[in-house]
Each structure stands twice: as C-alpha cells, then as structure tokens.
C-alpha cells in the first residue's frame, strides 16, 4: 500500500457524514458512548469539558505546531469518545500498553445535546474522496500527519458545511470512536433513573473489574499508581510536559499507535 499522503489544500468536495444523536436507553439497547479522562481542575474539571490544549492526539484540529502544543489561540478544542469502555480505554492507554491509575482517572457516559454531524472516515470511499487513504481511520501514521488531515477537514469543509468532528475506528480495539470538535455546550453527562450522574472513578471496584477484564484481553496492563506516582498528575506540575499526555514530552510526535511488534 502506498503511504498516506499529506492533504492537498483545499480539499476536494466529497466524503460521507454520520449523525450522532441521543437515543433514550432501554434494557435491550443501553447507551454506552463514553469518555475516559483524567479529572483536573484546570484542564478537565468535568467529563464533558473539551481539551483546548493541543495538538496532541490523532485528530486534533488545533492550529499550533505539533512540536509546540498549547492552548489554541483560535479557541479550537477536541474531545474523544469511544462506543464502549473497552474502546475508550484502549484509545487512552493503548500506546503505552499500561493503564496506571490514580483516583482522578474516570469514565463517564456522554450524550449529545443536539444532532452532531461528523465526517465518517469509516465509510467506504470517504477517505479516498478527499485524497487520503482508508488507513487514515485507524492506521499507524505520525500524529503530525493525521493532525494535518484533521485541520484540513476542519477548515476546508469538504462535505459543503462545517462538520462537528470525525468518526473513525480505534487503532487498538477496532471499535468506533469520535473526535468531537468545539463541543462545549453540545454534550452532557446523562444521569440514571435516580438522578445520579454517570461519571465514575476507574478505581471504583465495579468499574475496575470491567476495565481490567477488557484491558487484559488486549494485553494492556492495569496498575494502581502509588501516591504521587501518577504520570498525569506529575505532568500537570512539571514545565515542558503536556498536562494532558502522561509521560510524553510536549513536543512528541509519535504515531497514532505503537508499531506492530
């Protein structure tokens, strides 16, 4: 297969969209879209808070250079969700191959408060229509390259209108995942029938059991961090390190997933 090229700007018109809508859960069809995140008073105080700092991850649309991420000066932001716990956790911990947890690591269900329309990279022909390759959806490519594609889709509107993000497949779980752009005010954490917000610590025994089972099947180690040893907590207090990318220097441009061993 030929390598993924960079985007030719402006992108040609084309592609496929997919709409994300809230569906009232039932016993036979529960709502499972969720986000795994590290609760931080400055960056992510709640599960529906998008990340303005970047670019860091695969489909970040931020305008700052990949080797100098920071709060986006134009106000762009991103928030990633997975179709289930295994997908959301694999996206966060898959590259490191370890989930080192403190009590600030959480998982929350998220629902859209309005219809969100996404560029659907999982649809046959969608990537080719804009000059990319299907591997853009889940392949091993440098983050700087996939971020260029994200910025191109964000800015060039190949579908004829501005989309709310990208639908793609997890590189570690093959499950569906969403990169939601500028989602502030368009997402909410649902509550159960008793009014309890569906946002839980990953170290909660019931959640931890499910997480450990899912991660073990994917050869991702789950470990409880000793006090003061959480990389994400330490990164938030160390200059030159991204507050939202544990253990990775702010200028790192590693691929979207670790290479096949």
C-alpha atoms as a PDB file:
ATOM      1  CA  UNK A   1       0.000   0.000   0.000  1.00  0.00           C
ATOM      2  CA  UNK A   2       1.275   3.448  -0.826  1.00  0.00           C
ATOM      3  CA  UNK A   3       1.969   5.709   2.150  1.00  0.00           C
ATOM      4  CA  UNK A   4      -0.654   8.137   3.357  1.00  0.00           C
ATOM      5  CA  UNK A   5      -0.011  11.484   1.641  1.00  0.00           C
ATOM      6  CA  UNK A   6      -0.496  14.865   3.185  1.00  0.00           C
ATOM      7  CA  UNK A   7      -3.669  16.757   2.308  1.00  0.00           C
ATOM      8  CA  UNK A   8      -3.752  18.839  -0.869  1.00  0.00           C
ATOM      9  CA  UNK A   9      -5.413  22.103   0.085  1.00  0.00           C
ATOM     10  CA  UNK A  10      -8.122  22.983  -0.380  1.00  0.00           C
ATOM     11  CA  UNK A  11      -9.592  19.504  -0.114  1.00  0.00           C
ATOM     12  CA  UNK A  12     -11.862  18.345  -2.943  1.00  0.00           C
ATOM     13  CA  UNK A  13     -15.562  18.194  -2.287  1.00  0.00           C
ATOM     14  CA  UNK A  14     -16.684  14.756  -1.167  1.00  0.00           C
ATOM     15  CA  UNK A  15     -16.890  12.307   1.678  1.00  0.00           C
ATOM     16  CA  UNK A  16     -19.605  10.827   3.842  1.00  0.00           C
ATOM     17  CA  UNK A  17     -21.148  12.103   7.071  1.00  0.00           C
ATOM     18  CA  UNK A  18     -22.666  10.373  10.059  1.00  0.00           C
ATOM     19  CA  UNK A  19     -25.025  11.923  12.602  1.00  0.00           C
ATOM     20  CA  UNK A  20     -24.660  11.271  16.330  1.00  0.00           C
ATOM     21  CA  UNK A  21     -27.982  11.569  18.134  1.00  0.00           C
ATOM     22  CA  UNK A  22     -29.112  10.817  21.655  1.00  0.00           C
ATOM     23  CA  UNK A  23     -31.193   7.653  21.890  1.00  0.00           C
ATOM     24  CA  UNK A  24     -33.048   7.033  25.120  1.00  0.00           C
ATOM     25  CA  UNK A  25     -31.509   3.858  26.548  1.00  0.00           C
ATOM     26  CA  UNK A  26     -33.553   0.730  27.090  1.00  0.00           C
ATOM     27  CA  UNK A  27     -32.813  -2.612  28.730  1.00  0.00           C
ATOM     28  CA  UNK A  28     -32.021  -4.101  25.363  1.00  0.00           C
ATOM     29  CA  UNK A  29     -30.193  -1.061  23.985  1.00  0.00           C
ATOM     30  CA  UNK A  30     -28.138   0.711  26.640  1.00  0.00           C
ATOM     31  CA  UNK A  31     -26.262   3.937  25.896  1.00  0.00           C
ATOM     32  CA  UNK A  32     -22.552   3.112  26.037  1.00  0.00           C
ATOM     33  CA  UNK A  33     -20.707   6.043  24.378  1.00  0.00           C
ATOM     34  CA  UNK A  34     -18.153   7.135  26.949  1.00  0.00           C
ATOM     35  CA  UNK A  35     -15.010   9.078  27.644  1.00  0.00           C
ATOM     36  CA  UNK A  36     -12.038   8.017  29.757  1.00  0.00           C
ATOM     37  CA  UNK A  37     -10.363  11.087  31.195  1.00  0.00           C
ATOM     38  CA  UNK A  38      -8.157  12.384  33.999  1.00  0.00           C
ATOM     39  CA  UNK A  39     -10.024  14.886  36.154  1.00  0.00           C
ATOM     40  CA  UNK A  40      -8.017  18.078  36.513  1.00  0.00           C
ATOM     41  CA  UNK A  41      -9.268  21.366  37.882  1.00  0.00           C
ATOM     42  CA  UNK A  42      -7.579  23.402  35.144  1.00  0.00           C
ATOM     43  CA  UNK A  43      -7.968  21.214  32.041  1.00  0.00           C
ATOM     44  CA  UNK A  44     -10.819  18.726  32.513  1.00  0.00           C
ATOM     45  CA  UNK A  45     -12.857  19.513  35.633  1.00  0.00           C
ATOM     46  CA  UNK A  46     -15.847  17.596  34.229  1.00  0.00           C
ATOM     47  CA  UNK A  47     -16.315  14.765  31.777  1.00  0.00           C
ATOM     48  CA  UNK A  48     -17.916  16.977  29.146  1.00  0.00           C
ATOM     49  CA  UNK A  49     -15.107  19.572  29.176  1.00  0.00           C
ATOM     50  CA  UNK A  50     -13.259  19.591  25.822  1.00  0.00           C
ATOM     51  CA  UNK A  51      -9.493  19.967  25.597  1.00  0.00           C
ATOM     52  CA  UNK A  52      -8.306  23.323  24.274  1.00  0.00           C
ATOM     53  CA  UNK A  53      -4.641  22.373  24.687  1.00  0.00           C
ATOM     54  CA  UNK A  54      -3.028  20.816  21.625  1.00  0.00           C
ATOM     55  CA  UNK A  55      -2.327  19.424  19.181  1.00  0.00           C
ATOM     56  CA  UNK A  56      -1.647  16.116  20.924  1.00  0.00           C
ATOM     57  CA  UNK A  57      -3.791  13.264  19.640  1.00  0.00           C
ATOM     58  CA  UNK A  58      -4.701  11.842  16.246  1.00  0.00           C
ATOM     59  CA  UNK A  59      -7.434  14.164  15.025  1.00  0.00           C
ATOM     60  CA  UNK A  60      -6.714  17.335  16.982  1.00  0.00           C
ATOM     61  CA  UNK A  61      -7.605  20.369  14.810  1.00  0.00           C
ATOM     62  CA  UNK A  62      -5.527  22.852  16.824  1.00  0.00           C
ATOM     63  CA  UNK A  63      -3.554  25.489  14.952  1.00  0.00           C
ATOM     64  CA  UNK A  64      -0.336  25.430  16.995  1.00  0.00           C
ATOM     65  CA  UNK A  65       2.691  23.472  15.650  1.00  0.00           C
ATOM     66  CA  UNK A  66       2.880  19.788  16.698  1.00  0.00           C
ATOM     67  CA  UNK A  67       6.207  20.437  18.426  1.00  0.00           C
ATOM     68  CA  UNK A  68       4.815  23.372  20.410  1.00  0.00           C
ATOM     69  CA  UNK A  69       1.319  22.495  21.663  1.00  0.00           C
ATOM     70  CA  UNK A  70      -0.574  24.875  23.876  1.00  0.00           C
ATOM     71  CA  UNK A  71      -3.979  26.407  24.371  1.00  0.00           C
ATOM     72  CA  UNK A  72      -5.286  27.046  20.876  1.00  0.00           C
ATOM     73  CA  UNK A  73      -5.315  30.808  20.159  1.00  0.00           C
ATOM     74  CA  UNK A  74      -8.397  30.487  17.930  1.00  0.00           C
ATOM     75  CA  UNK A  75     -10.402  28.635  20.551  1.00  0.00           C
ATOM     76  CA  UNK A  76     -10.409  25.226  18.889  1.00  0.00           C
ATOM     77  CA  UNK A  77     -10.921  22.218  21.134  1.00  0.00           C
ATOM     78  CA  UNK A  78     -11.402  18.456  20.927  1.00  0.00           C
ATOM     79  CA  UNK A  79     -12.939  15.667  22.983  1.00  0.00           C
ATOM     80  CA  UNK A  80     -12.627  11.939  22.195  1.00  0.00           C
ATOM     81  CA  UNK A  81     -15.259   9.322  22.988  1.00  0.00           C
ATOM     82  CA  UNK A  82     -15.490   5.593  22.339  1.00  0.00           C
ATOM     83  CA  UNK A  83     -18.506   3.425  21.622  1.00  0.00           C
ATOM     84  CA  UNK A  84     -17.843   1.466  24.838  1.00  0.00           C
ATOM     85  CA  UNK A  85     -15.458   1.264  27.784  1.00  0.00           C
ATOM     86  CA  UNK A  86     -13.002  -1.067  26.029  1.00  0.00           C
ATOM     87  CA  UNK A  87     -12.681   1.283  23.053  1.00  0.00           C
ATOM     88  CA  UNK A  88     -12.418   4.489  25.095  1.00  0.00           C
ATOM     89  CA  UNK A  89      -9.826   2.983  27.454  1.00  0.00           C
ATOM     90  CA  UNK A  90      -7.830   1.414  24.617  1.00  0.00           C
ATOM     91  CA  UNK A  91      -7.579   4.789  22.889  1.00  0.00           C
ATOM     92  CA  UNK A  92      -6.172   6.361  26.062  1.00  0.00           C
ATOM     93  CA  UNK A  93      -3.877   3.578  27.308  1.00  0.00           C
ATOM     94  CA  UNK A  94      -3.129   1.514  24.185  1.00  0.00           C
ATOM     95  CA  UNK A  95       0.017   3.313  23.066  1.00  0.00           C
ATOM     96  CA  UNK A  96       1.726   2.932  26.448  1.00  0.00           C
ATOM     97  CA  UNK A  97       0.423  -0.609  26.909  1.00  0.00           C
ATOM     98  CA  UNK A  98      -0.331   0.203  30.548  1.00  0.00           C
ATOM     99  CA  UNK A  99      -3.157   1.873  32.435  1.00  0.00           C
ATOM    100  CA  UNK A 100      -1.505   3.380  35.505  1.00  0.00           C
ATOM    101  CA  UNK A 101      -4.448   4.630  37.523  1.00  0.00           C
ATOM    102  CA  UNK A 102      -4.889   7.131  40.303  1.00  0.00           C
ATOM    103  CA  UNK A 103      -8.272   8.104  41.749  1.00  0.00           C
ATOM    104  CA  UNK A 104      -8.546  11.027  39.278  1.00  0.00           C
ATOM    105  CA  UNK A 105      -8.874   8.702  36.288  1.00  0.00           C
ATOM    106  CA  UNK A 106     -12.559   8.470  35.418  1.00  0.00           C
ATOM    107  CA  UNK A 107     -15.034   7.204  32.861  1.00  0.00           C
ATOM    108  CA  UNK A 108     -18.273   8.969  32.064  1.00  0.00           C
ATOM    109  CA  UNK A 109     -21.092   8.390  29.651  1.00  0.00           C
ATOM    110  CA  UNK A 110     -21.595  11.284  27.246  1.00  0.00           C
ATOM    111  CA  UNK A 111     -24.566  12.188  25.102  1.00  0.00           C
ATOM    112  CA  UNK A 112     -25.026  14.937  22.505  1.00  0.00           C
ATOM    113  CA  UNK A 113     -27.488  17.687  23.405  1.00  0.00           C
ATOM    114  CA  UNK A 114     -28.051  18.356  19.718  1.00  0.00           C
ATOM    115  CA  UNK A 115     -27.507  16.414  16.499  1.00  0.00           C
ATOM    116  CA  UNK A 116     -23.766  16.307  15.768  1.00  0.00           C
ATOM    117  CA  UNK A 117     -22.668  15.635  12.185  1.00  0.00           C
ATOM    118  CA  UNK A 118     -19.244  14.045  11.719  1.00  0.00           C
ATOM    119  CA  UNK A 119     -17.017  13.281   8.743  1.00  0.00           C
ATOM    120  CA  UNK A 120     -17.204   9.485   8.589  1.00  0.00           C
ATOM    121  CA  UNK A 121     -13.777   8.014   7.830  1.00  0.00           C
ATOM    122  CA  UNK A 122     -15.195   4.510   8.426  1.00  0.00           C
ATOM    123  CA  UNK A 123     -17.474   4.766   5.377  1.00  0.00           C
ATOM    124  CA  UNK A 124     -16.192   3.039   2.215  1.00  0.00           C
ATOM    125  CA  UNK A 125     -14.615   5.567  -0.136  1.00  0.00           C
ATOM    126  CA  UNK A 126     -14.868   8.516   2.256  1.00  0.00           C
ATOM    127  CA  UNK A 127     -11.118   8.908   2.777  1.00  0.00           C
ATOM    128  CA  UNK A 128     -10.310   8.397  -0.910  1.00  0.00           C
ATOM    129  CA  UNK A 129     -12.852  11.065  -1.861  1.00  0.00           C
ATOM    130  CA  UNK A 130     -10.726  13.735  -0.193  1.00  0.00           C
ATOM    131  CA  UNK A 131      -7.351  12.404  -1.349  1.00  0.00           C
ATOM    132  CA  UNK A 132      -6.483  10.314   1.713  1.00  0.00           C
ATOM    133  CA  UNK A 133      -6.366   6.532   2.219  1.00  0.00           C
ATOM    134  CA  UNK A 134      -8.681   4.306   4.294  1.00  0.00           C
ATOM    135  CA  UNK A 135      -5.810   3.796   6.747  1.00  0.00           C
ATOM    136  CA  UNK A 136      -6.330   7.380   7.929  1.00  0.00           C
ATOM    137  CA  UNK A 137      -9.182   5.959  10.015  1.00  0.00           C
ATOM    138  CA  UNK A 138      -7.094   3.522  12.042  1.00  0.00           C
ATOM    139  CA  UNK A 139      -3.569   3.149  10.633  1.00  0.00           C
ATOM    140  CA  UNK A 140      -0.147   3.779  12.110  1.00  0.00           C
ATOM    141  CA  UNK A 141       0.752   7.263  10.902  1.00  0.00           C
ATOM    142  CA  UNK A 142       2.679  10.119  12.513  1.00  0.00           C
ATOM    143  CA  UNK A 143       0.376  12.288  14.585  1.00  0.00           C
ATOM    144  CA  UNK A 144       1.632  15.396  12.826  1.00  0.00           C
ATOM    145  CA  UNK A 145       0.271  13.948   9.562  1.00  0.00           C
ATOM    146  CA  UNK A 146      -3.126  12.889  10.886  1.00  0.00           C
ATOM    147  CA  UNK A 147      -3.433  16.281  12.585  1.00  0.00           C
ATOM    148  CA  UNK A 148      -2.832  17.971   9.214  1.00  0.00           C
ATOM    149  CA  UNK A 149      -5.740  15.973   7.833  1.00  0.00           C
ATOM    150  CA  UNK A 150      -7.890  16.971  10.797  1.00  0.00           C
ATOM    151  CA  UNK A 151      -7.112  20.649  10.255  1.00  0.00           C
ATOM    152  CA  UNK A 152      -7.837  20.297   6.524  1.00  0.00           C
ATOM    153  CA  UNK A 153     -11.256  18.732   7.146  1.00  0.00           C
ATOM    154  CA  UNK A 154     -11.982  21.304   9.862  1.00  0.00           C
ATOM    155  CA  UNK A 155     -11.048  24.278   7.662  1.00  0.00           C
ATOM    156  CA  UNK A 156     -11.910  23.188   4.089  1.00  0.00           C
ATOM    157  CA  UNK A 157     -15.368  21.712   4.734  1.00  0.00           C
ATOM    158  CA  UNK A 158     -15.196  19.026   2.004  1.00  0.00           C
ATOM    159  CA  UNK A 159     -18.793  17.995   2.706  1.00  0.00           C
ATOM    160  CA  UNK A 160     -20.005  21.502   1.891  1.00  0.00           C
ATOM    161  CA  UNK A 161     -20.567  22.514   5.506  1.00  0.00           C
ATOM    162  CA  UNK A 162     -18.642  22.589   8.770  1.00  0.00           C
ATOM    163  CA  UNK A 163     -18.701  19.201  10.495  1.00  0.00           C
ATOM    164  CA  UNK A 164     -18.573  18.612  14.245  1.00  0.00           C
ATOM    165  CA  UNK A 165     -15.648  16.193  14.106  1.00  0.00           C
ATOM    166  CA  UNK A 166     -14.550  12.822  12.750  1.00  0.00           C
ATOM    167  CA  UNK A 167     -15.867   9.276  13.155  1.00  0.00           C
ATOM    168  CA  UNK A 168     -13.083   6.678  12.975  1.00  0.00           C
ATOM    169  CA  UNK A 169     -12.003   3.269  14.259  1.00  0.00           C
ATOM    170  CA  UNK A 170      -9.846   2.724  17.309  1.00  0.00           C
ATOM    171  CA  UNK A 171      -6.316   1.640  16.439  1.00  0.00           C
ATOM    172  CA  UNK A 172      -6.256  -0.666  19.473  1.00  0.00           C
ATOM    173  CA  UNK A 173      -9.777  -2.065  19.679  1.00  0.00           C
ATOM    174  CA  UNK A 174     -11.220  -1.582  16.177  1.00  0.00           C
ATOM    175  CA  UNK A 175     -14.286  -0.118  17.871  1.00  0.00           C
ATOM    176  CA  UNK A 176     -15.928   3.078  16.751  1.00  0.00           C
ATOM    177  CA  UNK A 177     -14.625   6.328  18.179  1.00  0.00           C
ATOM    178  CA  UNK A 178     -15.408  10.011  17.726  1.00  0.00           C
ATOM    179  CA  UNK A 179     -13.180  13.083  17.717  1.00  0.00           C
ATOM    180  CA  UNK A 180     -15.596  15.898  18.591  1.00  0.00           C
ATOM    181  CA  UNK A 181     -14.561  19.438  17.732  1.00  0.00           C
ATOM    182  CA  UNK A 182     -15.616  22.569  19.636  1.00  0.00           C
ATOM    183  CA  UNK A 183     -18.183  20.567  21.584  1.00  0.00           C
ATOM    184  CA  UNK A 184     -18.563  22.863  24.592  1.00  0.00           C
ATOM    185  CA  UNK A 185     -22.273  23.188  25.354  1.00  0.00           C
ATOM    186  CA  UNK A 186     -23.185  20.348  22.985  1.00  0.00           C
ATOM    187  CA  UNK A 187     -22.508  17.417  25.324  1.00  0.00           C
ATOM    188  CA  UNK A 188     -23.853  16.301  28.670  1.00  0.00           C
ATOM    189  CA  UNK A 189     -23.214  13.535  31.197  1.00  0.00           C
ATOM    190  CA  UNK A 190     -26.509  11.610  31.474  1.00  0.00           C
ATOM    191  CA  UNK A 191     -27.998  10.615  34.797  1.00  0.00           C
ATOM    192  CA  UNK A 192     -29.608   7.348  35.804  1.00  0.00           C
ATOM    193  CA  UNK A 193     -33.231   6.996  36.938  1.00  0.00           C
ATOM    194  CA  UNK A 194     -32.199   8.116  40.428  1.00  0.00           C
ATOM    195  CA  UNK A 195     -30.606  11.297  39.112  1.00  0.00           C
ATOM    196  CA  UNK A 196     -27.008  10.163  39.600  1.00  0.00           C
ATOM    197  CA  UNK A 197     -24.521  11.418  37.019  1.00  0.00           C
ATOM    198  CA  UNK A 198     -22.951   8.524  35.112  1.00  0.00           C
ATOM    199  CA  UNK A 199     -19.365   9.503  35.891  1.00  0.00           C
ATOM    200  CA  UNK A 200     -17.232   7.100  37.913  1.00  0.00           C
ATOM    201  CA  UNK A 201     -13.655   6.637  39.077  1.00  0.00           C
ATOM    202  CA  UNK A 202     -11.852   3.924  37.146  1.00  0.00           C
ATOM    203  CA  UNK A 203     -10.623   2.680  40.518  1.00  0.00           C
ATOM    204  CA  UNK A 204     -14.200   2.049  41.713  1.00  0.00           C
ATOM    205  CA  UNK A 205     -14.279  -1.727  42.331  1.00  0.00           C
ATOM    206  CA  UNK A 206     -17.125  -2.437  39.893  1.00  0.00           C
ATOM    207  CA  UNK A 207     -15.593  -0.298  37.133  1.00  0.00           C
ATOM    208  CA  UNK A 208     -12.064  -1.535  37.811  1.00  0.00           C
ATOM    209  CA  UNK A 209     -13.171  -5.141  37.407  1.00  0.00           C
ATOM    210  CA  UNK A 210     -14.715  -4.437  33.994  1.00  0.00           C
ATOM    211  CA  UNK A 211     -11.730  -2.353  32.921  1.00  0.00           C
ATOM    212  CA  UNK A 212      -9.181  -4.965  33.984  1.00  0.00           C
ATOM    213  CA  UNK A 213     -11.033  -7.705  32.096  1.00  0.00           C
ATOM    214  CA  UNK A 214     -11.228  -5.608  28.930  1.00  0.00           C
ATOM    215  CA  UNK A 215      -7.612  -4.445  29.081  1.00  0.00           C
ATOM    216  CA  UNK A 216      -6.204  -7.898  29.905  1.00  0.00           C
ATOM    217  CA  UNK A 217      -7.857  -9.256  26.755  1.00  0.00           C
ATOM    218  CA  UNK A 218      -5.965  -6.550  24.827  1.00  0.00           C
ATOM    219  CA  UNK A 219      -2.647  -7.094  26.617  1.00  0.00           C
ATOM    220  CA  UNK A 220      -2.813  -3.717  28.358  1.00  0.00           C
ATOM    221  CA  UNK A 221      -1.697  -3.872  31.996  1.00  0.00           C
ATOM    222  CA  UNK A 222      -3.844  -2.195  34.645  1.00  0.00           C
ATOM    223  CA  UNK A 223      -1.947  -0.940  37.715  1.00  0.00           C
ATOM    224  CA  UNK A 224      -2.978   1.271  40.626  1.00  0.00           C
ATOM    225  CA  UNK A 225      -0.468   4.098  40.981  1.00  0.00           C
ATOM    226  CA  UNK A 226       1.133   4.647  44.368  1.00  0.00           C
ATOM    227  CA  UNK A 227       0.569   8.053  45.936  1.00  0.00           C
ATOM    228  CA  UNK A 228       2.383  10.723  43.928  1.00  0.00           C
ATOM    229  CA  UNK A 229       3.313   8.310  41.112  1.00  0.00           C
ATOM    230  CA  UNK A 230       0.556   9.084  38.589  1.00  0.00           C
ATOM    231  CA  UNK A 231       2.275  10.407  35.411  1.00  0.00           C
ATOM    232  CA  UNK A 232      -0.704  12.606  34.524  1.00  0.00           C
ATOM    233  CA  UNK A 233      -0.759  14.239  37.965  1.00  0.00           C
ATOM    234  CA  UNK A 234       3.005  14.842  37.835  1.00  0.00           C
ATOM    235  CA  UNK A 235       2.833  16.194  34.284  1.00  0.00           C
ATOM    236  CA  UNK A 236       0.350  18.855  35.379  1.00  0.00           C
ATOM    237  CA  UNK A 237       3.004  20.324  37.682  1.00  0.00           C
ATOM    238  CA  UNK A 238       6.126  19.917  35.510  1.00  0.00           C
ATOM    239  CA  UNK A 239       7.067  22.622  32.992  1.00  0.00           C
ATOM    240  CA  UNK A 240       7.664  21.439  29.428  1.00  0.00           C
ATOM    241  CA  UNK A 241       5.349  18.447  29.730  1.00  0.00           C
ATOM    242  CA  UNK A 242       1.859  18.309  28.325  1.00  0.00           C
ATOM    243  CA  UNK A 243      -0.778  18.358  31.077  1.00  0.00           C
ATOM    244  CA  UNK A 244      -2.929  16.005  29.021  1.00  0.00           C
ATOM    245  CA  UNK A 245      -0.455  13.445  27.692  1.00  0.00           C
ATOM    246  CA  UNK A 246       1.001  11.363  30.533  1.00  0.00           C
ATOM    247  CA  UNK A 247       4.665  10.556  30.211  1.00  0.00           C
ATOM    248  CA  UNK A 248       5.037  12.188  26.794  1.00  0.00           C
ATOM    249  CA  UNK A 249       7.015  15.426  26.319  1.00  0.00           C
ATOM    250  CA  UNK A 250       5.040  18.305  24.916  1.00  0.00           C
ATOM    251  CA  UNK A 251       6.817  18.177  21.568  1.00  0.00           C
ATOM    252  CA  UNK A 252       6.463  14.448  20.954  1.00  0.00           C
ATOM    253  CA  UNK A 253       5.114  13.419  17.548  1.00  0.00           C
ATOM    254  CA  UNK A 254       4.757   9.671  17.902  1.00  0.00           C
ATOM    255  CA  UNK A 255       2.446   7.716  15.645  1.00  0.00           C
ATOM    256  CA  UNK A 256      -1.235   7.151  16.214  1.00  0.00           C
ATOM    257  CA  UNK A 257      -0.419   3.750  17.692  1.00  0.00           C
ATOM    258  CA  UNK A 258       2.639   1.703  18.556  1.00  0.00           C
ATOM    259  CA  UNK A 259       4.082  -0.292  15.639  1.00  0.00           C
ATOM    260  CA  UNK A 260       3.352  -4.000  15.120  1.00  0.00           C
ATOM    261  CA  UNK A 261       5.941  -5.927  17.180  1.00  0.00           C
END
